[in-house]
Amino acid sequence: MIETARSAEDIKKHAADLYWLAFLLTERQDLSIEIASDTAVSGDYASPFFTDWMRGWQRRLVIGRALSAIHAELADSAGRTELARVHGSTPRKWLLGPDTTKADLEQALLAIDLFPRAALLLLVFEGIRMADAATLLDANPALIRKAQAIGLRELTARLAGTSRKARKEPCFWLRTTAACH
């Protein structure tokens, strides 16, 4: 009974994680719910390795479906990114504030134009290889690197107002292996 409850809770958390990924890419709740619910499969896999592998695959499916759904908007944003100038750089010693919440991160990410946000999510948060990102975003690597730089600069600028007290606890809501400092 406890194992079933834990499994159901784990499935809910995974589905919510897929929804959040789709929402950060599309900014559309209805589409994100559809993508996440269609992708989340509550299967009972034989081993933890296969479960982890399947969940990684599901994240890739969500990314592909979300980017396909917003292809025209993504192309428009890529055009704006091509014309944009990269001003300044991200501060090297900047740290994510310990009181930064998932809602703060979401708000900061959604304030970034679509193409730089997608490049940032794919390369930094999801750890996708540049060649795969180029295919998914239908863009050349130079433009994606530029978009990533713009996205990182804008993200850090928006989050810079949070407290700078250092701590070494992992950010449970942040998918990357970064720690909250």
Protein backbone atom coordinates (compact mmCIF):
# COMPACT_ATOMS: atom_id res chain seq x y z
CA MET A 1 0.00 0.00 0.00
CA ILE A 2 2.80 2.43 0.91
CA GLU A 3 4.71 1.48 -2.25
CA THR A 4 1.61 2.15 -4.39
CA ALA A 5 1.08 5.56 -2.78
CA ARG A 6 4.74 6.44 -3.29
CA SER A 7 4.52 5.33 -6.92
CA ALA A 8 1.36 7.38 -7.52
CA GLU A 9 2.98 10.43 -5.92
CA ASP A 10 6.09 9.91 -8.05
CA ILE A 11 3.96 9.72 -11.22
CA LYS A 12 2.16 12.96 -10.26
CA LYS A 13 5.47 14.71 -9.63
CA HIS A 14 6.85 13.48 -12.96
CA ALA A 15 3.74 14.65 -14.84
CA ALA A 16 3.96 18.05 -13.13
CA ASP A 17 7.63 18.24 -14.13
CA LEU A 18 6.73 17.49 -17.76
CA TYR A 19 3.98 20.12 -17.65
CA TRP A 20 6.39 22.75 -16.30
CA LEU A 21 8.93 21.98 -19.04
CA ALA A 22 6.26 22.29 -21.75
CA PHE A 23 4.90 25.49 -20.17
CA LEU A 24 8.35 27.11 -20.00
CA LEU A 25 8.78 26.39 -23.70
CA THR A 26 5.29 27.33 -24.93
CA GLU A 27 3.84 29.72 -22.28
CA ARG A 28 0.49 28.06 -23.02
CA GLN A 29 -1.19 26.18 -20.17
CA ASP A 30 -3.71 24.31 -22.31
CA LEU A 31 -1.11 23.06 -24.75
CA SER A 32 1.30 22.20 -21.92
CA ILE A 33 -1.33 20.13 -20.12
CA GLU A 34 -2.11 18.26 -23.34
CA ILE A 35 1.55 17.60 -24.12
CA ALA A 36 2.42 16.49 -20.58
CA SER A 37 -0.63 14.28 -20.12
CA ASP A 38 -0.16 12.61 -23.51
CA THR A 39 3.50 11.96 -22.77
CA ALA A 40 3.31 10.87 -19.13
CA VAL A 41 2.77 7.16 -19.12
CA SER A 42 2.18 5.50 -15.78
CA GLY A 43 3.97 2.28 -16.56
CA ASP A 44 5.39 -0.13 -14.05
CA TYR A 45 8.93 -0.70 -15.28
CA ALA A 46 11.02 -3.66 -14.21
CA SER A 47 14.08 -1.76 -13.08
CA PRO A 48 14.96 1.73 -11.81
CA PHE A 49 17.38 2.12 -14.75
CA PHE A 50 14.61 1.58 -17.28
CA THR A 51 12.31 3.96 -15.40
CA ASP A 52 14.98 6.70 -15.46
CA TRP A 53 15.71 6.05 -19.13
CA MET A 54 12.00 6.20 -20.01
CA ARG A 55 11.53 9.45 -18.11
CA GLY A 56 14.47 11.00 -19.95
CA TRP A 57 12.90 9.91 -23.21
CA GLN A 58 9.55 11.40 -22.17
CA ARG A 59 11.26 14.76 -21.48
CA ARG A 60 12.66 14.67 -25.02
CA LEU A 61 9.20 13.91 -26.42
CA VAL A 62 7.74 16.87 -24.49
CA ILE A 63 10.48 19.14 -25.84
CA GLY A 64 9.90 17.97 -29.41
CA ARG A 65 6.12 18.33 -29.23
CA ALA A 66 6.30 21.74 -27.53
CA LEU A 67 8.77 23.14 -30.05
CA SER A 68 6.75 21.76 -32.96
CA ALA A 69 3.62 23.43 -31.61
CA ILE A 70 5.29 26.85 -31.45
CA HIS A 71 7.45 26.54 -34.59
CA ALA A 72 6.22 29.80 -36.20
CA GLU A 73 6.65 31.83 -33.00
CA LEU A 74 10.08 30.27 -32.51
CA ALA A 75 11.13 31.28 -36.04
CA ASP A 76 9.96 34.87 -35.44
CA SER A 77 11.93 35.01 -32.20
CA ALA A 78 15.00 33.53 -33.90
CA GLY A 79 14.81 36.40 -36.41
CA ARG A 80 14.73 38.93 -33.56
CA THR A 81 17.65 37.14 -31.92
CA GLU A 82 19.66 37.28 -35.14
CA LEU A 83 19.24 41.07 -35.20
CA ALA A 84 19.89 41.54 -31.47
CA ARG A 85 23.20 42.65 -30.06
CA VAL A 86 24.73 40.85 -27.12
CA HIS A 87 25.43 43.49 -24.49
CA GLY A 88 27.70 42.68 -21.58
CA SER A 89 28.10 39.23 -20.14
CA THR A 90 26.83 37.24 -17.22
CA PRO A 91 28.62 38.01 -13.96
CA ARG A 92 31.14 35.26 -13.16
CA LYS A 93 30.66 35.41 -9.39
CA TRP A 94 26.88 35.68 -9.42
CA LEU A 95 25.08 33.20 -7.15
CA LEU A 96 21.45 32.15 -7.07
CA GLY A 97 19.91 33.54 -3.91
CA PRO A 98 18.81 31.02 -1.28
CA ASP A 99 15.35 32.55 -1.12
CA THR A 100 14.81 32.20 -4.88
CA THR A 101 11.70 30.14 -5.52
CA LYS A 102 10.52 28.07 -8.43
CA ALA A 103 7.99 30.84 -9.14
CA ASP A 104 10.84 33.40 -9.27
CA LEU A 105 12.70 31.24 -11.76
CA GLU A 106 9.57 30.71 -13.86
CA GLN A 107 8.82 34.44 -13.94
CA ALA A 108 12.41 35.26 -14.91
CA LEU A 109 12.45 32.61 -17.65
CA LEU A 110 9.08 33.59 -19.12
CA ALA A 111 10.26 37.22 -19.38
CA ILE A 112 12.95 36.13 -21.86
CA ASP A 113 12.08 36.12 -25.57
CA LEU A 114 11.13 32.67 -26.86
CA PHE A 115 14.22 31.64 -28.86
CA PRO A 116 16.82 32.64 -26.23
CA ARG A 117 14.66 31.02 -23.54
CA ALA A 118 14.39 27.79 -25.55
CA ALA A 119 18.17 27.76 -26.16
CA LEU A 120 18.78 28.32 -22.45
CA LEU A 121 16.33 25.60 -21.39
CA LEU A 122 17.70 23.06 -23.85
CA LEU A 123 21.42 23.66 -23.38
CA VAL A 124 21.71 24.69 -19.73
CA PHE A 125 18.74 23.20 -17.91
CA GLU A 126 18.23 20.04 -19.97
CA GLY A 127 21.86 19.48 -20.94
CA ILE A 128 21.06 18.76 -24.58
CA ARG A 129 24.01 18.63 -26.99
CA MET A 130 24.45 21.57 -29.38
CA ALA A 131 23.91 19.37 -32.47
CA ASP A 132 20.57 18.16 -31.06
CA ALA A 133 19.57 21.69 -30.04
CA ALA A 134 20.35 22.89 -33.58
CA THR A 135 18.02 20.24 -34.98
CA LEU A 136 15.26 20.91 -32.45
CA LEU A 137 15.45 24.70 -32.87
CA ASP A 138 16.04 24.51 -36.64
CA ALA A 139 18.93 26.96 -36.34
CA ASN A 140 22.68 27.07 -36.73
CA PRO A 141 24.92 26.63 -33.68
CA ALA A 142 26.27 30.21 -33.85
CA LEU A 143 22.76 31.64 -33.49
CA ILE A 144 21.97 29.20 -30.69
CA ARG A 145 25.16 30.21 -28.81
CA LYS A 146 24.16 33.87 -29.22
CA ALA A 147 20.65 33.09 -27.97
CA GLN A 148 22.07 31.18 -25.01
CA ALA A 149 24.29 34.15 -24.10
CA ILE A 150 21.32 36.52 -24.32
CA GLY A 151 19.15 34.14 -22.28
CA LEU A 152 21.79 33.68 -19.57
CA ARG A 153 22.40 37.41 -19.31
CA GLU A 154 18.68 38.18 -19.04
CA LEU A 155 18.05 35.37 -16.56
CA THR A 156 20.85 36.40 -14.23
CA ALA A 157 19.85 40.07 -14.47
CA ARG A 158 16.27 39.20 -13.49
CA LEU A 159 17.31 36.92 -10.64
CA ALA A 160 20.13 39.15 -9.36
CA GLY A 161 17.81 40.92 -6.93
CA THR A 162 17.47 37.83 -4.72
CA SER A 163 19.39 37.44 -1.48
CA ARG A 164 23.06 36.47 -1.77
CA LYS A 165 23.50 34.55 1.49
CA ALA A 166 25.50 31.46 0.67
CA ARG A 167 24.20 27.97 1.31
CA LYS A 168 24.94 24.61 -0.21
CA GLU A 169 21.51 22.98 -0.26
CA PRO A 170 20.40 21.56 -3.60
CA CYS A 171 17.58 23.41 -5.33
CA PHE A 172 14.97 20.65 -5.38
CA TRP A 173 12.96 22.38 -8.10
CA LEU A 174 15.92 23.01 -10.38
CA ARG A 175 16.50 20.07 -12.74
CA THR A 176 20.19 20.80 -13.25
CA THR A 177 22.73 19.60 -10.73
CA ALA A 178 23.42 23.15 -9.59
CA ALA A 179 23.21 23.93 -5.91
CA CYS A 180 21.55 26.97 -4.40
CA HIS A 181 24.33 29.18 -3.05
